[in-house]
Amino acid sequence: MEVETLCLIYEKTTVPVPKVRAWGLAANNPLILGPFIVMDFIEGVSLSDVLKDSGRLSSRLIRPDISDHKMAAIYAQFAKIQLELFQLDFDKIGNVPSAKTRYTAYDHPLTYKGHDIMQTGGVNCFSDRNIPILATQAYFEHIVSQDWKQLRQQRNSVFGPNDARAKYACLSVLAANLPYFINTEFDRGPFKLICDDLGLSNLIVRGEDDVTIVGVVDLEWSYVGTAQLFATPWWLLQARLNLWSAEYDEESPKIADRFLQYLRIFTQVLEDEEKKMPSCRQRLSDLLKWSQSSGAIWLHMVLSCGFNFDDSIPFTRLREHIGRDKWEQQEKAFSDSNDIEAFVAQKVLQLKQYNKDYEHLQQKRTKVSHSGP
C-alpha cells in the first residue's frame, strides 16, 4: 500500500514525497532481504528529532520551550499538505486502489490498529475483508467490532471479573453512541486518503534552524477512510493523547491543556491557508471545527488505537462530552444484562488458563537457562 500511496500523491499533488524508482516482494529481492522499495533520497533531518523532548526516551512529546510562533509556522506548512491530500476523493472505504502494483485491494483496509491487535494481542480481527463498507457509521461499527474481538479472544485482556465487567460495559456504551458522532455531509463519501500515523514525525525539514518541510515519508499505514478521521489532528503534540491516563498521570491536565492550545493554533492556520487556496472544493477547516464542537475528535482518537483504557485523555473527554451521568446510566444498564455474566465467566476461565500456561512457560525457560552447555 505504501507504493500505491507514494505514487498517487506524487502524481496527483505537489506534496514532496519521494519518487518510487523500484519495488518488489521478498521473492523478487536478489539480496534476500525481504520486500523492498527503492525511492529518491530526501536531504534533511527528521522534524521529530528537532521537536521532541530528549528527556522523554519513551515519548515523542514536543519539548515545552518551542514557541507558539514556531509551531504555527510548522502547522501552516503541514496544513497546506493536508489541504492538498483532502482534495483526493474516493467512492468507497478500503485499501488504496492498486493502479501501480495491480495487487488485489481488499474492501476492508489494513490499519495500524488492526495490525497492532494482531501483533500484540495475538488476535486476527480483520474478519472478511471482501465485504464493502460504504458509510461512516458502518466503518465505525467495524472498528468497534475489532475491539470486541480483541476483548473476547485475547485471553489476558482483563485483570479479573470486575475489570471484565467494566470493559464490557464501557465498550457497549461506546458502540451505542456511535450514531451521534456521524457527519452527515461526509457519511457516504467522498472518502479520503487516511494514514494512521501521518504526523509531524513523518516530515523531513532542511535543518534544526530551518524547519522548512522538504519531504513527507513513511506512509505504510495508508488506506481510504472516512473524511472524519482526516479532521482529527492527534499529532499536534507528536505523541498521542491515548498514552496518558487522566486519572493517574499527574501531568495529564497540562498535556490536555497544551493539546487544546495547539489545536486552536492549528485550526486558525488551517483556515488561513485554506483561504489562500481558492481551488479547495471542500473545506477541511469546517470539518475540523465540527469535529471539535460535536466531540467527534475524541471518538476518533479512541477508535484509531487498540488496547484503549477508559481513563485515557481522549476517552475521558469523550465521556465528558456525552455527559458523565448519561454515560454511567448506560453503563449500569449494560452491566445489569444477562449477557455480561456469561462474558465475565468466559474471561475468568481464559485468564486462569493463560496464567497457568504462562507459569508453565516460565518454568521451562528457567530450566533451559540453568541447564548450561
Protein backbone atom coordinates (compact mmCIF):
# COMPACT_ATOMS: atom_id res chain seq x y z
CA MET A 1 0.00 0.00 0.00
CA GLU A 2 2.88 2.37 0.61
CA VAL A 3 3.96 2.10 -3.04
CA GLU A 4 0.44 2.91 -4.21
CA THR A 5 0.15 5.80 -1.78
CA LEU A 6 3.50 7.36 -2.69
CA CYS A 7 2.81 7.10 -6.41
CA LEU A 8 -0.70 8.52 -6.05
CA ILE A 9 0.48 11.52 -4.02
CA TYR A 10 3.48 12.09 -6.31
CA GLU A 11 1.30 12.15 -9.43
CA LYS A 12 -1.80 13.95 -8.12
CA THR A 13 -0.37 16.59 -5.74
CA THR A 14 2.65 18.79 -5.11
CA VAL A 15 3.29 17.17 -1.71
CA PRO A 16 7.05 16.42 -1.54
CA VAL A 17 7.02 12.64 -1.26
CA PRO A 18 9.99 10.69 -2.65
CA LYS A 19 9.62 9.25 -6.14
CA VAL A 20 9.43 5.45 -6.19
CA ARG A 21 12.05 4.02 -8.53
CA ALA A 22 11.52 0.30 -7.90
CA TRP A 23 9.70 -2.05 -5.57
CA GLY A 24 9.18 -5.74 -5.05
CA LEU A 25 8.20 -8.60 -2.79
CA ALA A 26 10.64 -10.72 -0.82
CA ALA A 27 10.72 -13.30 -3.60
CA ASN A 28 11.88 -10.62 -6.06
CA ASN A 29 14.70 -9.32 -3.87
CA PRO A 30 18.03 -10.60 -5.19
CA LEU A 31 19.69 -9.76 -1.86
CA ILE A 32 17.17 -11.94 0.02
CA LEU A 33 16.42 -9.09 2.42
CA GLY A 34 12.64 -9.12 2.20
CA PRO A 35 10.18 -6.75 0.50
CA PHE A 36 11.72 -3.51 -0.71
CA ILE A 37 11.05 -0.02 -2.05
CA VAL A 38 13.75 1.96 -3.83
CA MET A 39 12.99 5.67 -3.77
CA ASP A 40 14.67 9.04 -4.06
CA PHE A 41 16.70 10.23 -1.07
CA ILE A 42 15.48 13.44 0.59
CA GLU A 43 18.22 15.57 2.12
CA GLY A 44 17.34 16.95 5.55
CA VAL A 45 16.60 15.97 9.13
CA SER A 46 13.59 14.48 10.87
CA LEU A 47 11.28 17.14 12.29
CA SER A 48 10.54 14.75 15.15
CA ASP A 49 14.18 14.89 16.24
CA VAL A 50 14.12 18.69 16.11
CA LEU A 51 10.98 18.97 18.24
CA LYS A 52 10.97 16.11 20.71
CA ASP A 53 11.93 16.38 24.35
CA SER A 54 15.19 14.45 24.66
CA GLY A 55 14.45 13.88 28.34
CA ARG A 56 11.50 11.62 27.41
CA LEU A 57 13.01 8.48 26.00
CA SER A 58 9.67 6.71 25.52
CA SER A 59 7.71 9.60 24.01
CA ARG A 60 7.88 11.96 21.05
CA LEU A 61 6.23 14.76 23.04
CA ILE A 62 7.26 18.19 21.79
CA ARG A 63 9.55 19.92 24.22
CA PRO A 64 7.95 22.86 26.06
CA ASP A 65 10.49 25.53 25.13
CA ILE A 66 9.38 25.72 21.48
CA SER A 67 7.42 28.92 20.86
CA ASP A 68 3.83 29.05 19.62
CA HIS A 69 5.09 31.17 16.72
CA LYS A 70 7.43 28.41 15.57
CA MET A 71 4.71 25.77 15.94
CA ALA A 72 2.30 27.93 13.94
CA ALA A 73 4.86 28.15 11.13
CA ILE A 74 5.24 24.37 11.11
CA TYR A 75 1.50 23.78 11.31
CA ALA A 76 0.89 26.18 8.40
CA GLN A 77 3.18 24.13 6.16
CA PHE A 78 1.59 20.88 7.22
CA ALA A 79 -1.86 22.42 6.71
CA LYS A 80 -1.00 23.05 3.05
CA ILE A 81 -0.06 19.39 2.69
CA GLN A 82 -3.25 18.21 4.34
CA LEU A 83 -5.40 20.53 2.24
CA GLU A 84 -3.94 19.04 -0.93
CA LEU A 85 -4.46 15.48 0.27
CA PHE A 86 -8.02 16.30 1.33
CA GLN A 87 -8.92 17.09 -2.27
CA LEU A 88 -8.33 13.46 -3.30
CA ASP A 89 -11.73 11.73 -3.41
CA PHE A 90 -12.63 8.03 -3.35
CA ASP A 91 -16.00 6.30 -3.65
CA LYS A 92 -15.58 3.60 -1.01
CA ILE A 93 -13.67 2.76 2.14
CA GLY A 94 -10.85 0.25 1.74
CA ASN A 95 -7.27 -0.08 0.61
CA VAL A 96 -5.74 2.38 -1.81
CA PRO A 97 -6.58 1.36 -5.42
CA SER A 98 -3.83 -0.78 -6.94
CA ALA A 99 -3.06 1.30 -10.01
CA LYS A 100 0.69 0.55 -9.91
CA THR A 101 1.15 -2.80 -8.23
CA ARG A 102 -2.02 -4.43 -9.64
CA TYR A 103 -2.48 -6.42 -6.46
CA THR A 104 -5.95 -7.13 -5.09
CA ALA A 105 -7.18 -4.23 -2.97
CA TYR A 106 -9.41 -5.54 -0.19
CA ASP A 107 -12.58 -3.70 0.76
CA HIS A 108 -11.53 -3.61 4.42
CA PRO A 109 -8.38 -1.54 4.94
CA LEU A 110 -5.23 -2.81 6.61
CA THR A 111 -4.94 -0.37 9.52
CA TYR A 112 -2.28 0.18 12.14
CA LYS A 113 -4.84 -0.63 14.83
CA GLY A 114 -5.77 -3.98 13.28
CA HIS A 115 -2.10 -4.87 12.86
CA ASP A 116 -1.32 -3.85 16.45
CA ILE A 117 -4.11 -6.01 17.84
CA MET A 118 -2.82 -8.97 15.83
CA GLN A 119 0.85 -8.44 16.66
CA THR A 120 0.48 -7.52 20.34
CA GLY A 121 -2.71 -9.30 21.32
CA GLY A 122 -2.46 -12.30 19.01
CA VAL A 123 -6.00 -11.76 17.68
CA ASN A 124 -6.84 -11.58 13.97
CA CYS A 125 -9.65 -9.03 13.91
CA PHE A 126 -9.80 -8.34 10.18
CA SER A 127 -12.71 -10.75 9.52
CA ASP A 128 -13.96 -10.92 5.90
CA ARG A 129 -12.08 -8.14 4.17
CA ASN A 130 -14.09 -8.51 0.94
CA ILE A 131 -17.32 -7.04 2.31
CA PRO A 132 -17.58 -3.41 1.13
CA ILE A 133 -18.04 -0.58 3.62
CA LEU A 134 -19.95 2.34 2.12
CA ALA A 135 -20.76 4.59 5.09
CA THR A 136 -19.01 6.17 8.05
CA GLN A 137 -21.22 4.60 10.72
CA ALA A 138 -20.71 1.14 9.22
CA TYR A 139 -16.96 1.71 9.32
CA PHE A 140 -17.01 2.88 12.93
CA GLU A 141 -19.07 -0.18 13.85
CA HIS A 142 -16.49 -2.33 12.09
CA ILE A 143 -13.70 -0.71 14.12
CA VAL A 144 -15.53 -1.28 17.40
CA SER A 145 -16.10 -4.90 16.38
CA GLN A 146 -12.30 -5.23 16.28
CA ASP A 147 -12.15 -4.04 19.89
CA TRP A 148 -14.84 -6.55 20.83
CA LYS A 149 -12.95 -9.36 19.15
CA GLN A 150 -9.72 -8.44 20.92
CA LEU A 151 -11.50 -8.20 24.27
CA ARG A 152 -13.23 -11.58 23.81
CA GLN A 153 -10.40 -13.60 22.27
CA GLN A 154 -7.22 -12.30 23.90
CA ARG A 155 -7.01 -14.49 26.97
CA ASN A 156 -5.37 -11.89 29.20
CA SER A 157 -7.42 -8.88 28.01
CA VAL A 158 -8.82 -8.41 31.54
CA PHE A 159 -7.29 -8.50 35.03
CA GLY A 160 -10.24 -10.17 36.72
CA PRO A 161 -14.05 -10.29 36.92
CA ASN A 162 -14.51 -6.63 37.91
CA ASP A 163 -12.26 -5.46 35.09
CA ALA A 164 -14.16 -7.72 32.68
CA ARG A 165 -17.49 -6.17 33.68
CA ALA A 166 -16.11 -2.64 33.40
CA LYS A 167 -14.61 -3.18 29.95
CA TYR A 168 -17.73 -4.92 28.66
CA ALA A 169 -19.98 -2.08 29.84
CA CYS A 170 -17.63 0.64 28.60
CA LEU A 171 -17.33 -0.84 25.11
CA SER A 172 -21.09 -1.37 24.97
CA VAL A 173 -21.72 2.31 25.75
CA LEU A 174 -19.15 3.37 23.17
CA ALA A 175 -20.86 1.28 20.48
CA ALA A 176 -24.31 2.57 21.43
CA ASN A 177 -23.23 6.20 20.99
CA LEU A 178 -21.60 5.91 17.57
CA PRO A 179 -24.66 7.21 15.63
CA TYR A 180 -24.44 10.54 17.46
CA PHE A 181 -20.99 11.32 16.05
CA ILE A 182 -21.60 10.97 12.32
CA ASN A 183 -21.10 13.93 9.99
CA THR A 184 -23.98 13.63 7.55
CA GLU A 185 -22.21 15.63 4.83
CA PHE A 186 -19.46 13.02 4.51
CA ASP A 187 -21.27 9.92 5.81
CA ARG A 188 -21.38 8.19 2.42
CA GLY A 189 -18.43 9.93 0.85
CA PRO A 190 -16.45 11.27 -0.68
CA PHE A 191 -13.92 9.23 1.27
CA LYS A 192 -10.35 10.36 1.83
CA LEU A 193 -6.76 9.15 1.90
CA ILE A 194 -6.01 8.32 5.53
CA CYS A 195 -2.63 7.46 7.01
CA ASP A 196 -2.96 6.24 10.60
CA ASP A 197 0.41 7.56 11.72
CA LEU A 198 0.83 10.59 9.44
CA GLY A 199 2.00 13.41 11.65
CA LEU A 200 4.95 15.66 12.37
CA SER A 201 7.28 12.67 12.71
CA ASN A 202 6.76 11.89 9.01
CA LEU A 203 8.18 15.24 7.94
CA ILE A 204 11.71 15.98 6.74
CA VAL A 205 12.91 19.57 7.20
CA ARG A 206 16.05 21.35 5.99
CA GLY A 207 17.72 21.50 9.39
CA GLU A 208 17.41 22.28 13.06
CA ASP A 209 17.43 26.02 12.40
CA ASP A 210 15.34 25.89 9.22
CA VAL A 211 12.11 23.93 9.63
CA THR A 212 11.01 24.28 6.01
CA ILE A 213 9.37 20.98 5.09
CA VAL A 214 11.16 19.29 2.20
CA GLY A 215 9.78 15.76 2.42
CA VAL A 216 6.95 13.51 3.63
CA VAL A 217 7.90 9.87 4.27
CA ASP A 218 6.80 6.61 5.91
CA LEU A 219 3.22 6.27 4.65
CA GLU A 220 2.85 2.50 5.11
CA TRP A 221 -0.40 2.64 7.12
CA SER A 222 -2.38 4.38 4.37
CA TYR A 223 -5.87 3.49 3.15
CA VAL A 224 -9.15 5.07 2.07
CA GLY A 225 -11.29 6.03 5.06
CA THR A 226 -13.98 8.36 6.27
CA ALA A 227 -13.30 12.09 5.97
CA GLN A 228 -13.99 12.49 9.69
CA LEU A 229 -10.73 10.76 10.57
CA PHE A 230 -8.88 13.30 8.40
CA ALA A 231 -10.17 16.07 10.68
CA THR A 232 -8.53 14.75 13.84
CA PRO A 233 -5.03 16.21 14.34
CA TRP A 234 -3.98 13.75 17.06
CA TRP A 235 -0.37 14.56 16.12
CA LEU A 236 -0.32 18.16 17.42
CA LEU A 237 1.97 17.21 20.32
CA GLN A 238 3.63 14.43 18.24
CA ALA A 239 2.65 11.93 20.95
CA ARG A 240 -0.89 10.51 21.13
CA LEU A 241 -3.12 11.61 23.99
CA ASN A 242 -4.13 7.96 24.39
CA LEU A 243 -0.83 7.41 26.22
CA TRP A 244 -1.87 9.46 29.26
CA SER A 245 -4.29 8.47 31.98
CA ALA A 246 -6.49 11.39 33.03
CA GLU A 247 -6.87 9.70 36.41
CA TYR A 248 -3.37 8.53 37.32
CA ASP A 249 -0.89 10.68 35.35
CA GLU A 250 -0.23 13.88 37.28
CA GLU A 251 0.83 15.75 34.16
CA SER A 252 -2.28 14.82 32.14
CA PRO A 253 -4.12 18.15 32.79
CA LYS A 254 -1.13 20.08 31.46
CA ILE A 255 -0.83 17.73 28.48
CA ALA A 256 -4.54 18.14 27.66
CA ASP A 257 -4.38 21.94 28.01
CA ARG A 258 -1.32 22.11 25.80
CA PHE A 259 -3.06 20.00 23.16
CA LEU A 260 -6.08 22.30 23.17
CA GLN A 261 -3.81 25.33 22.89
CA TYR A 262 -2.09 23.81 19.84
CA LEU A 263 -5.47 22.79 18.43
CA ARG A 264 -6.59 26.43 18.47
CA ILE A 265 -3.39 27.44 16.69
CA PHE A 266 -3.75 24.74 14.04
CA THR A 267 -7.43 25.49 13.45
CA GLN A 268 -6.58 29.13 12.76
CA VAL A 269 -3.62 28.45 10.45
CA LEU A 270 -5.63 25.79 8.58
CA GLU A 271 -8.38 28.32 7.92
CA ASP A 272 -5.81 30.91 6.85
CA GLU A 273 -4.11 28.52 4.42
CA GLU A 274 -7.47 27.40 3.07
CA LYS A 275 -8.30 30.99 2.10
CA LYS A 276 -5.10 31.08 0.04
CA MET A 277 -6.23 28.03 -1.95
CA PRO A 278 -9.42 29.00 -3.83
CA SER A 279 -9.24 25.68 -5.67
CA CYS A 280 -10.27 23.83 -2.47
CA ARG A 281 -13.67 22.33 -3.24
CA GLN A 282 -14.25 21.05 0.29
CA ARG A 283 -13.41 22.98 3.45
CA LEU A 284 -11.35 20.89 5.82
CA SER A 285 -11.45 23.70 8.39
CA ASP A 286 -15.24 23.40 8.66
CA LEU A 287 -14.96 19.67 9.25
CA LEU A 288 -12.27 20.24 11.88
CA LYS A 289 -14.47 22.76 13.70
CA TRP A 290 -17.40 20.33 13.57
CA SER A 291 -15.16 17.58 14.95
CA GLN A 292 -14.38 19.78 17.95
CA SER A 293 -17.90 21.06 18.64
CA SER A 294 -19.51 17.64 18.24
CA GLY A 295 -16.92 15.86 20.39
CA ALA A 296 -16.15 13.52 17.49
CA ILE A 297 -12.48 14.42 17.71
CA TRP A 298 -12.25 12.40 20.96
CA LEU A 299 -14.16 9.47 19.48
CA HIS A 300 -11.79 9.39 16.51
CA MET A 301 -8.76 9.21 18.80
CA VAL A 302 -10.31 6.34 20.73
CA LEU A 303 -11.27 4.41 17.59
CA SER A 304 -7.87 4.84 15.94
CA CYS A 305 -5.97 2.92 18.64
CA GLY A 306 -6.26 -0.55 20.05
CA PHE A 307 -5.99 -1.51 23.72
CA ASN A 308 -7.68 1.69 24.88
CA PHE A 309 -8.12 2.24 28.59
CA ASP A 310 -11.23 4.14 29.65
CA ASP A 311 -9.38 6.73 31.72
CA SER A 312 -7.15 7.90 28.86
CA ILE A 313 -7.43 11.58 27.99
CA PRO A 314 -9.49 11.02 24.79
CA PHE A 315 -11.82 8.52 26.48
CA THR A 316 -12.31 10.85 29.46
CA ARG A 317 -13.05 13.82 27.19
CA LEU A 318 -15.50 11.75 25.16
CA ARG A 319 -17.30 10.67 28.31
CA GLU A 320 -17.48 14.29 29.48
CA HIS A 321 -18.92 15.38 26.14
CA ILE A 322 -21.63 12.73 26.26
CA GLY A 323 -22.25 13.55 29.92
CA ARG A 324 -20.92 11.59 32.88
CA ASP A 325 -24.39 10.92 34.30
CA LYS A 326 -25.70 9.67 30.96
CA TRP A 327 -22.60 7.51 30.45
CA GLU A 328 -22.90 5.96 33.92
CA GLN A 329 -26.61 5.26 33.43
CA GLN A 330 -25.88 3.47 30.16
CA GLU A 331 -23.04 1.52 31.74
CA LYS A 332 -25.35 0.40 34.54
CA ALA A 333 -27.95 -0.75 32.01
CA PHE A 334 -25.40 -2.89 30.20
CA SER A 335 -23.93 -4.15 33.50
CA ASP A 336 -27.35 -5.48 34.52
CA SER A 337 -27.80 -7.52 31.33
CA ASN A 338 -27.65 -11.33 31.28
CA ASP A 339 -25.00 -11.34 28.55
CA ILE A 340 -22.38 -9.74 30.74
CA GLU A 341 -22.31 -12.58 33.29
CA ALA A 342 -21.63 -15.14 30.57
CA PHE A 343 -18.88 -12.89 29.24
CA VAL A 344 -17.30 -12.47 32.69
CA ALA A 345 -17.38 -16.21 33.34
CA GLN A 346 -15.68 -16.87 30.00
CA LYS A 347 -12.97 -14.28 30.63
CA VAL A 348 -12.23 -15.61 34.12
CA LEU A 349 -11.68 -19.10 32.68
CA GLN A 350 -9.50 -17.71 29.89
CA LEU A 351 -7.38 -15.72 32.33
CA LYS A 352 -6.96 -18.72 34.63
CA GLN A 353 -5.75 -20.87 31.74
CA TYR A 354 -3.49 -18.08 30.47
CA ASN A 355 -1.83 -17.67 33.86
CA LYS A 356 -1.36 -21.44 34.12
CA ASP A 357 0.21 -21.62 30.66
CA TYR A 358 2.39 -18.60 31.37
CA GLU A 359 3.69 -20.09 34.60
CA HIS A 360 4.46 -23.36 32.83
CA LEU A 361 6.35 -21.48 30.11
CA GLN A 362 8.37 -19.56 32.69
CA GLN A 363 9.34 -22.81 34.39
CA LYS A 364 10.56 -24.21 31.08
CA ARG A 365 12.62 -21.10 30.44
CA THR A 366 14.18 -21.35 33.90
CA LYS A 367 15.18 -24.97 33.26
CA VAL A 368 16.72 -24.07 29.90
CA SER A 369 18.67 -21.12 31.34
CA HIS A 370 20.09 -23.28 34.15
CA SER A 371 20.85 -26.34 32.06
CA GLY A 372 24.06 -24.86 30.66
CA PRO A 373 26.04 -26.13 27.66
